[in-house]
Amino acid sequence: MSIKVTKEHSPISVDQQKKSHKTKPELVDDYKFIPKAYKDVASGMEKQFAEFMITQMNNSVGAEETNSGAKYYKSLMNSERADIMATKDQGLGLQKVILDQIYPQRMRSEIAYKQFLAAQENRIIKKNDIQMAKPDAEGKEPVNE
């Protein structure tokens, strides 16, 4: 009969555990390569939806304001509430859904982002590039030939 000798594992110290395992997962910035114009559109649409939802909720209660000042104040309050709902923390979550539709994941790379910025730069009309048409001596508009 033979006896097998096994090695006992020594306990791992806390420092070694911290080195071998990451304490926090690295977060990937999904919005890093999305142009600001697209982000603004998505957040605006989310705010608009929240404002519509709040207005419909208020209408369902049945208390309508007859005074124009009260209506205006109520609309301002609805707008501010919607803005807070859309911008606080993650918002309602619609912005991510909208961005996935208007700017898909496959377009979110550094190369695509740089190409977009270059195309936008070429589209911008600079003030010096525009020449104003000068009216003739009688003050009439010149005729383009």
N, C-alpha and C. Protein backbone atom coordinates (compact mmCIF):
# COMPACT_ATOMS: atom_id res chain seq x y z
N MET A 1 0.84 -1.16 0.00
CA MET A 1 0.00 0.00 0.00
C MET A 1 0.90 1.23 0.00
N SER A 2 0.65 2.13 -0.95
CA SER A 2 1.49 3.31 -1.03
C SER A 2 0.71 4.53 -0.56
N ILE A 3 1.42 5.42 -0.03
CA ILE A 3 0.81 6.66 0.47
C ILE A 3 1.23 7.79 -0.47
N LYS A 4 0.22 8.54 -0.91
CA LYS A 4 0.51 9.68 -1.79
C LYS A 4 0.68 10.92 -0.95
N VAL A 5 1.70 11.63 -1.29
CA VAL A 5 1.97 12.88 -0.59
C VAL A 5 1.51 14.02 -1.50
N THR A 6 0.66 14.86 -0.97
CA THR A 6 0.18 16.00 -1.74
C THR A 6 0.74 17.28 -1.14
N LYS A 7 0.96 18.21 -2.02
CA LYS A 7 1.46 19.50 -1.55
C LYS A 7 0.29 20.31 -1.02
N GLU A 8 0.49 20.91 0.06
CA GLU A 8 -0.54 21.79 0.60
C GLU A 8 -0.28 23.19 0.04
N HIS A 9 -1.35 23.80 -0.37
CA HIS A 9 -1.23 25.15 -0.91
C HIS A 9 -1.18 26.14 0.23
N SER A 10 -0.25 27.04 0.12
CA SER A 10 -0.19 28.07 1.15
C SER A 10 -1.25 29.12 0.86
N PRO A 11 -1.83 29.70 1.88
CA PRO A 11 -2.87 30.71 1.65
C PRO A 11 -2.31 31.93 0.92
N ILE A 12 -3.14 32.54 0.09
CA ILE A 12 -2.73 33.72 -0.67
C ILE A 12 -2.99 34.95 0.18
N SER A 13 -1.99 35.81 0.22
CA SER A 13 -2.16 37.03 1.01
C SER A 13 -3.11 37.99 0.29
N VAL A 14 -3.62 38.95 1.03
CA VAL A 14 -4.56 39.92 0.48
C VAL A 14 -3.91 40.75 -0.61
N ASP A 15 -2.64 41.09 -0.44
CA ASP A 15 -1.92 41.87 -1.45
C ASP A 15 -1.81 41.10 -2.77
N GLN A 16 -1.56 39.81 -2.68
CA GLN A 16 -1.46 38.99 -3.89
C GLN A 16 -2.82 38.87 -4.58
N GLN A 17 -3.88 38.80 -3.78
CA GLN A 17 -5.22 38.72 -4.36
C GLN A 17 -5.55 40.00 -5.11
N LYS A 18 -5.18 41.14 -4.55
CA LYS A 18 -5.45 42.42 -5.20
C LYS A 18 -4.68 42.53 -6.51
N LYS A 19 -3.47 42.00 -6.53
CA LYS A 19 -2.67 42.08 -7.75
C LYS A 19 -3.20 41.15 -8.83
N SER A 20 -3.67 39.98 -8.41
CA SER A 20 -4.11 39.01 -9.40
C SER A 20 -5.51 39.29 -9.94
N HIS A 21 -6.34 39.93 -9.17
CA HIS A 21 -7.70 40.24 -9.61
C HIS A 21 -7.91 41.75 -9.62
N LYS A 22 -8.55 42.21 -10.67
CA LYS A 22 -8.85 43.63 -10.73
C LYS A 22 -10.05 43.90 -9.82
N THR A 23 -9.97 44.97 -9.06
CA THR A 23 -11.06 45.26 -8.14
C THR A 23 -12.26 45.85 -8.88
N LYS A 24 -12.01 46.66 -9.89
CA LYS A 24 -13.09 47.26 -10.66
C LYS A 24 -12.91 46.91 -12.13
N PRO A 25 -13.99 46.52 -12.78
CA PRO A 25 -13.84 46.25 -14.22
C PRO A 25 -13.65 47.56 -14.97
N GLU A 26 -12.87 47.47 -16.03
CA GLU A 26 -12.65 48.67 -16.84
C GLU A 26 -13.90 48.97 -17.64
N LEU A 27 -14.36 50.19 -17.54
CA LEU A 27 -15.55 50.59 -18.27
C LEU A 27 -15.15 51.13 -19.64
N VAL A 28 -15.84 50.69 -20.66
CA VAL A 28 -15.58 51.15 -22.01
C VAL A 28 -16.50 52.34 -22.25
N ASP A 29 -15.92 53.45 -22.68
CA ASP A 29 -16.72 54.64 -22.97
C ASP A 29 -17.39 54.44 -24.32
N ASP A 30 -18.65 54.05 -24.28
CA ASP A 30 -19.39 53.76 -25.50
C ASP A 30 -19.71 55.03 -26.28
N TYR A 31 -19.65 56.17 -25.61
CA TYR A 31 -20.01 57.44 -26.24
C TYR A 31 -18.79 58.24 -26.69
N LYS A 32 -17.61 57.70 -26.53
CA LYS A 32 -16.38 58.44 -26.82
C LYS A 32 -16.28 58.88 -28.27
N PHE A 33 -16.65 58.00 -29.19
CA PHE A 33 -16.48 58.31 -30.60
C PHE A 33 -17.80 58.64 -31.29
N ILE A 34 -18.74 59.19 -30.54
CA ILE A 34 -19.99 59.66 -31.13
C ILE A 34 -19.92 61.18 -31.19
N PRO A 35 -20.16 61.77 -32.36
CA PRO A 35 -20.11 63.23 -32.47
C PRO A 35 -21.14 63.91 -31.57
N LYS A 36 -20.78 65.09 -31.11
CA LYS A 36 -21.63 65.83 -30.17
C LYS A 36 -23.01 66.12 -30.76
N ALA A 37 -23.08 66.38 -32.04
CA ALA A 37 -24.37 66.68 -32.67
C ALA A 37 -25.35 65.52 -32.50
N TYR A 38 -24.87 64.29 -32.63
CA TYR A 38 -25.73 63.11 -32.46
C TYR A 38 -26.15 62.96 -31.01
N LYS A 39 -25.23 63.21 -30.09
CA LYS A 39 -25.57 63.14 -28.66
C LYS A 39 -26.63 64.18 -28.31
N ASP A 40 -26.49 65.38 -28.86
CA ASP A 40 -27.47 66.44 -28.58
C ASP A 40 -28.85 66.08 -29.12
N VAL A 41 -28.90 65.49 -30.30
CA VAL A 41 -30.18 65.08 -30.88
C VAL A 41 -30.84 64.02 -29.99
N ALA A 42 -30.06 63.03 -29.58
CA ALA A 42 -30.62 61.95 -28.76
C ALA A 42 -31.10 62.46 -27.41
N SER A 43 -30.33 63.34 -26.77
CA SER A 43 -30.77 63.86 -25.47
C SER A 43 -31.98 64.78 -25.64
N GLY A 44 -32.04 65.53 -26.73
CA GLY A 44 -33.20 66.38 -27.00
C GLY A 44 -34.46 65.57 -27.23
N MET A 45 -34.33 64.46 -27.93
CA MET A 45 -35.48 63.59 -28.17
C MET A 45 -35.95 62.94 -26.86
N GLU A 46 -35.01 62.58 -26.02
CA GLU A 46 -35.37 61.99 -24.73
C GLU A 46 -36.10 63.02 -23.86
N LYS A 47 -35.60 64.25 -23.87
CA LYS A 47 -36.25 65.31 -23.10
C LYS A 47 -37.66 65.58 -23.65
N GLN A 48 -37.79 65.60 -24.96
CA GLN A 48 -39.09 65.85 -25.58
C GLN A 48 -40.08 64.74 -25.21
N PHE A 49 -39.63 63.50 -25.21
CA PHE A 49 -40.50 62.40 -24.83
C PHE A 49 -40.91 62.53 -23.36
N ALA A 50 -39.97 62.86 -22.48
CA ALA A 50 -40.28 63.01 -21.06
C ALA A 50 -41.29 64.14 -20.85
N GLU A 51 -41.11 65.24 -21.59
CA GLU A 51 -42.05 66.36 -21.46
C GLU A 51 -43.44 65.96 -21.94
N PHE A 52 -43.51 65.24 -23.04
CA PHE A 52 -44.80 64.76 -23.54
C PHE A 52 -45.46 63.83 -22.52
N MET A 53 -44.67 62.96 -21.92
CA MET A 53 -45.18 62.02 -20.93
C MET A 53 -45.73 62.76 -19.71
N ILE A 54 -45.00 63.75 -19.22
CA ILE A 54 -45.46 64.52 -18.06
C ILE A 54 -46.74 65.28 -18.39
N THR A 55 -46.80 65.88 -19.58
CA THR A 55 -48.00 66.62 -20.00
C THR A 55 -49.20 65.69 -20.06
N GLN A 56 -49.03 64.50 -20.62
CA GLN A 56 -50.13 63.55 -20.69
C GLN A 56 -50.55 63.05 -19.31
N MET A 57 -49.60 62.90 -18.41
CA MET A 57 -49.92 62.51 -17.04
C MET A 57 -50.74 63.60 -16.36
N ASN A 58 -50.36 64.85 -16.57
CA ASN A 58 -51.13 65.96 -15.98
C ASN A 58 -52.53 66.05 -16.59
N ASN A 59 -52.64 65.78 -17.88
CA ASN A 59 -53.95 65.81 -18.54
C ASN A 59 -54.86 64.69 -18.03
N SER A 60 -54.27 63.58 -17.64
CA SER A 60 -55.08 62.45 -17.18
C SER A 60 -55.73 62.72 -15.83
N VAL A 61 -55.15 63.64 -15.06
CA VAL A 61 -55.72 64.00 -13.77
C VAL A 61 -57.01 64.78 -13.97
N GLY A 62 -57.08 65.58 -14.99
CA GLY A 62 -58.29 66.31 -15.32
C GLY A 62 -58.34 67.74 -14.83
N ALA A 63 -57.37 68.19 -14.09
CA ALA A 63 -57.37 69.57 -13.61
C ALA A 63 -56.69 70.46 -14.65
N GLU A 64 -57.48 71.19 -15.41
CA GLU A 64 -56.92 72.07 -16.43
C GLU A 64 -56.92 73.50 -15.93
N GLU A 65 -55.90 74.23 -16.30
CA GLU A 65 -55.78 75.64 -15.93
C GLU A 65 -56.48 76.47 -17.00
N THR A 66 -57.26 77.45 -16.55
CA THR A 66 -57.93 78.34 -17.50
C THR A 66 -57.16 79.63 -17.69
N ASN A 67 -56.38 80.00 -16.72
CA ASN A 67 -55.58 81.23 -16.78
C ASN A 67 -54.37 81.00 -17.68
N SER A 68 -54.09 81.94 -18.59
CA SER A 68 -52.96 81.77 -19.50
C SER A 68 -51.63 81.81 -18.75
N GLY A 69 -51.54 82.58 -17.69
CA GLY A 69 -50.31 82.62 -16.89
C GLY A 69 -50.05 81.29 -16.20
N ALA A 70 -51.11 80.69 -15.70
CA ALA A 70 -50.98 79.39 -15.04
C ALA A 70 -50.58 78.31 -16.05
N LYS A 71 -51.14 78.38 -17.27
CA LYS A 71 -50.78 77.42 -18.31
C LYS A 71 -49.30 77.55 -18.67
N TYR A 72 -48.86 78.79 -18.79
CA TYR A 72 -47.45 79.04 -19.13
C TYR A 72 -46.53 78.51 -18.03
N TYR A 73 -46.88 78.80 -16.78
CA TYR A 73 -46.08 78.33 -15.64
C TYR A 73 -46.05 76.80 -15.62
N LYS A 74 -47.19 76.18 -15.86
CA LYS A 74 -47.27 74.72 -15.86
C LYS A 74 -46.39 74.12 -16.97
N SER A 75 -46.41 74.77 -18.14
CA SER A 75 -45.57 74.26 -19.24
C SER A 75 -44.08 74.41 -18.92
N LEU A 76 -43.72 75.52 -18.24
CA LEU A 76 -42.32 75.69 -17.83
C LEU A 76 -41.91 74.63 -16.81
N MET A 77 -42.81 74.35 -15.88
CA MET A 77 -42.52 73.33 -14.87
C MET A 77 -42.37 71.95 -15.52
N ASN A 78 -43.25 71.65 -16.47
CA ASN A 78 -43.15 70.37 -17.18
C ASN A 78 -41.84 70.27 -17.93
N SER A 79 -41.43 71.36 -18.56
CA SER A 79 -40.18 71.37 -19.31
C SER A 79 -38.98 71.15 -18.39
N GLU A 80 -38.96 71.81 -17.25
CA GLU A 80 -37.85 71.66 -16.30
C GLU A 80 -37.83 70.26 -15.70
N ARG A 81 -38.99 69.73 -15.37
CA ARG A 81 -39.04 68.36 -14.84
C ARG A 81 -38.53 67.37 -15.88
N ALA A 82 -38.92 67.55 -17.12
CA ALA A 82 -38.46 66.66 -18.19
C ALA A 82 -36.96 66.76 -18.37
N ASP A 83 -36.42 67.98 -18.28
CA ASP A 83 -34.98 68.18 -18.42
C ASP A 83 -34.23 67.45 -17.31
N ILE A 84 -34.75 67.55 -16.08
CA ILE A 84 -34.11 66.87 -14.95
C ILE A 84 -34.19 65.36 -15.12
N MET A 85 -35.36 64.87 -15.54
CA MET A 85 -35.52 63.43 -15.74
C MET A 85 -34.57 62.91 -16.83
N ALA A 86 -34.39 63.68 -17.88
CA ALA A 86 -33.57 63.23 -19.00
C ALA A 86 -32.08 63.32 -18.73
N THR A 87 -31.66 64.23 -17.84
CA THR A 87 -30.23 64.42 -17.62
C THR A 87 -29.71 63.80 -16.34
N LYS A 88 -30.54 63.50 -15.39
CA LYS A 88 -30.07 62.96 -14.11
C LYS A 88 -29.66 61.50 -14.28
N ASP A 89 -28.52 61.14 -13.72
CA ASP A 89 -27.97 59.79 -13.79
C ASP A 89 -27.93 59.30 -15.23
N GLN A 90 -28.64 58.24 -15.52
CA GLN A 90 -28.67 57.68 -16.87
C GLN A 90 -29.86 58.17 -17.66
N GLY A 91 -30.65 59.06 -17.09
CA GLY A 91 -31.85 59.53 -17.78
C GLY A 91 -32.90 58.44 -17.80
N LEU A 92 -33.73 58.46 -18.80
CA LEU A 92 -34.77 57.44 -18.94
C LEU A 92 -34.27 56.21 -19.67
N GLY A 93 -33.10 56.30 -20.28
CA GLY A 93 -32.54 55.18 -21.02
C GLY A 93 -32.86 55.25 -22.51
N LEU A 94 -33.62 56.24 -22.92
CA LEU A 94 -33.98 56.36 -24.32
C LEU A 94 -32.82 56.87 -25.16
N GLN A 95 -31.95 57.65 -24.56
CA GLN A 95 -30.84 58.23 -25.31
C GLN A 95 -29.96 57.13 -25.90
N LYS A 96 -29.69 56.10 -25.13
CA LYS A 96 -28.88 54.98 -25.63
C LYS A 96 -29.58 54.28 -26.79
N VAL A 97 -30.88 54.07 -26.67
CA VAL A 97 -31.64 53.40 -27.73
C VAL A 97 -31.64 54.25 -29.00
N ILE A 98 -31.82 55.55 -28.83
CA ILE A 98 -31.85 56.46 -29.98
C ILE A 98 -30.48 56.50 -30.65
N LEU A 99 -29.42 56.58 -29.86
CA LEU A 99 -28.07 56.60 -30.42
C LEU A 99 -27.74 55.30 -31.15
N ASP A 100 -28.23 54.18 -30.63
CA ASP A 100 -28.00 52.91 -31.32
C ASP A 100 -28.68 52.90 -32.69
N GLN A 101 -29.77 53.65 -32.83
CA GLN A 101 -30.48 53.69 -34.10
C GLN A 101 -29.86 54.69 -35.08
N ILE A 102 -29.51 55.90 -34.59
CA ILE A 102 -29.03 56.93 -35.50
C ILE A 102 -27.52 56.89 -35.72
N TYR A 103 -26.78 56.28 -34.79
CA TYR A 103 -25.33 56.16 -34.93
C TYR A 103 -24.93 54.78 -34.43
N PRO A 104 -25.05 53.75 -35.29
CA PRO A 104 -24.85 52.35 -34.87
C PRO A 104 -23.47 52.07 -34.29
N GLN A 105 -23.39 50.97 -33.57
CA GLN A 105 -22.16 50.56 -32.90
C GLN A 105 -20.99 50.39 -33.87
N ARG A 106 -21.26 49.92 -35.08
CA ARG A 106 -20.19 49.69 -36.05
C ARG A 106 -19.51 50.98 -36.50
N MET A 107 -20.17 52.12 -36.30
CA MET A 107 -19.60 53.41 -36.70
C MET A 107 -18.82 54.08 -35.57
N ARG A 108 -18.78 53.46 -34.42
CA ARG A 108 -18.15 54.07 -33.24
C ARG A 108 -16.70 53.63 -33.10
N SER A 109 -15.87 54.14 -33.98
CA SER A 109 -14.44 53.86 -33.89
C SER A 109 -13.70 55.18 -34.07
N GLU A 110 -12.46 55.16 -33.71
CA GLU A 110 -11.65 56.38 -33.81
C GLU A 110 -11.49 56.83 -35.27
N ILE A 111 -11.34 55.87 -36.16
CA ILE A 111 -11.17 56.20 -37.58
C ILE A 111 -12.43 56.85 -38.14
N ALA A 112 -13.59 56.24 -37.85
CA ALA A 112 -14.86 56.79 -38.34
C ALA A 112 -15.11 58.17 -37.75
N TYR A 113 -14.75 58.35 -36.48
CA TYR A 113 -14.94 59.64 -35.82
C TYR A 113 -14.08 60.72 -36.49
N LYS A 114 -12.83 60.38 -36.78
CA LYS A 114 -11.94 61.35 -37.43
C LYS A 114 -12.42 61.68 -38.85
N GLN A 115 -12.94 60.69 -39.55
CA GLN A 115 -13.48 60.93 -40.89
C GLN A 115 -14.70 61.84 -40.83
N PHE A 116 -15.55 61.64 -39.83
CA PHE A 116 -16.72 62.49 -39.66
C PHE A 116 -16.30 63.93 -39.40
N LEU A 117 -15.32 64.12 -38.51
CA LEU A 117 -14.84 65.47 -38.20
C LEU A 117 -14.22 66.14 -39.42
N ALA A 118 -13.49 65.37 -40.23
CA ALA A 118 -12.89 65.93 -41.44
C ALA A 118 -13.97 66.34 -42.44
N ALA A 119 -15.01 65.53 -42.57
CA ALA A 119 -16.11 65.87 -43.48
C ALA A 119 -16.84 67.11 -43.00
N GLN A 120 -17.02 67.23 -41.70
CA GLN A 120 -17.67 68.42 -41.14
C GLN A 120 -16.82 69.66 -41.37
N GLU A 121 -15.51 69.51 -41.25
CA GLU A 121 -14.61 70.65 -41.45
C GLU A 121 -14.66 71.13 -42.90
N ASN A 122 -14.81 70.22 -43.83
CA ASN A 122 -14.90 70.59 -45.25
C ASN A 122 -16.22 71.25 -45.57
N ARG A 123 -17.26 70.94 -44.79
CA ARG A 123 -18.59 71.53 -45.03
C ARG A 123 -18.72 72.95 -44.52
N ILE A 124 -17.92 73.31 -43.56
CA ILE A 124 -18.04 74.64 -42.95
C ILE A 124 -17.64 75.71 -43.95
N ILE A 125 -18.52 76.67 -44.11
CA ILE A 125 -18.24 77.79 -45.01
C ILE A 125 -17.64 78.91 -44.17
N LYS A 126 -16.48 79.30 -44.55
CA LYS A 126 -15.79 80.35 -43.80
C LYS A 126 -16.22 81.71 -44.31
N LYS A 127 -16.16 82.68 -43.45
CA LYS A 127 -16.61 84.03 -43.77
C LYS A 127 -15.86 84.61 -44.96
N ASN A 128 -14.57 84.34 -45.06
CA ASN A 128 -13.76 84.89 -46.14
C ASN A 128 -14.09 84.25 -47.49
N ASP A 129 -14.71 83.07 -47.47
CA ASP A 129 -15.05 82.38 -48.71
C ASP A 129 -16.28 82.97 -49.39
N ILE A 130 -17.05 83.76 -48.66
CA ILE A 130 -18.30 84.29 -49.19
C ILE A 130 -18.05 85.69 -49.75
N GLN A 131 -18.51 85.93 -50.95
CA GLN A 131 -18.40 87.25 -51.54
C GLN A 131 -19.81 87.79 -51.72
N MET A 132 -20.01 88.96 -51.24
CA MET A 132 -21.32 89.58 -51.35
C MET A 132 -21.46 90.22 -52.72
N ALA A 133 -22.65 90.08 -53.29
CA ALA A 133 -22.92 90.73 -54.58
C ALA A 133 -23.13 92.21 -54.34
N LYS A 134 -22.49 93.03 -55.15
CA LYS A 134 -22.62 94.48 -54.99
C LYS A 134 -23.71 94.98 -55.94
N PRO A 135 -24.64 95.79 -55.43
CA PRO A 135 -25.68 96.32 -56.32
C PRO A 135 -25.08 97.28 -57.35
N ASP A 136 -25.77 97.39 -58.45
CA ASP A 136 -25.26 98.30 -59.48
C ASP A 136 -25.50 99.76 -59.05
N ALA A 137 -25.17 100.71 -59.89
CA ALA A 137 -25.21 102.12 -59.55
C ALA A 137 -26.63 102.58 -59.21
N GLU A 138 -27.67 101.96 -59.77
CA GLU A 138 -29.04 102.37 -59.51
C GLU A 138 -29.61 101.73 -58.25
N GLY A 139 -28.85 100.87 -57.62
CA GLY A 139 -29.30 100.23 -56.38
C GLY A 139 -30.08 98.96 -56.62
N LYS A 140 -30.13 98.47 -57.85
CA LYS A 140 -30.84 97.24 -58.14
C LYS A 140 -29.90 96.06 -57.93
N GLU A 141 -30.52 94.93 -57.68
CA GLU A 141 -29.74 93.70 -57.52
C GLU A 141 -29.10 93.31 -58.85
N PRO A 142 -27.85 92.85 -58.84
CA PRO A 142 -27.22 92.40 -60.07
C PRO A 142 -27.85 91.10 -60.57
N VAL A 143 -27.84 90.94 -61.84
CA VAL A 143 -28.39 89.74 -62.44
C VAL A 143 -27.28 88.72 -62.60
N ASN A 144 -27.52 87.51 -62.07
CA ASN A 144 -26.52 86.44 -62.22
C ASN A 144 -26.61 85.84 -63.60
N GLU A 145 -25.49 85.68 -64.24
CA GLU A 145 -25.47 85.13 -65.60
C GLU A 145 -25.15 83.67 -65.57
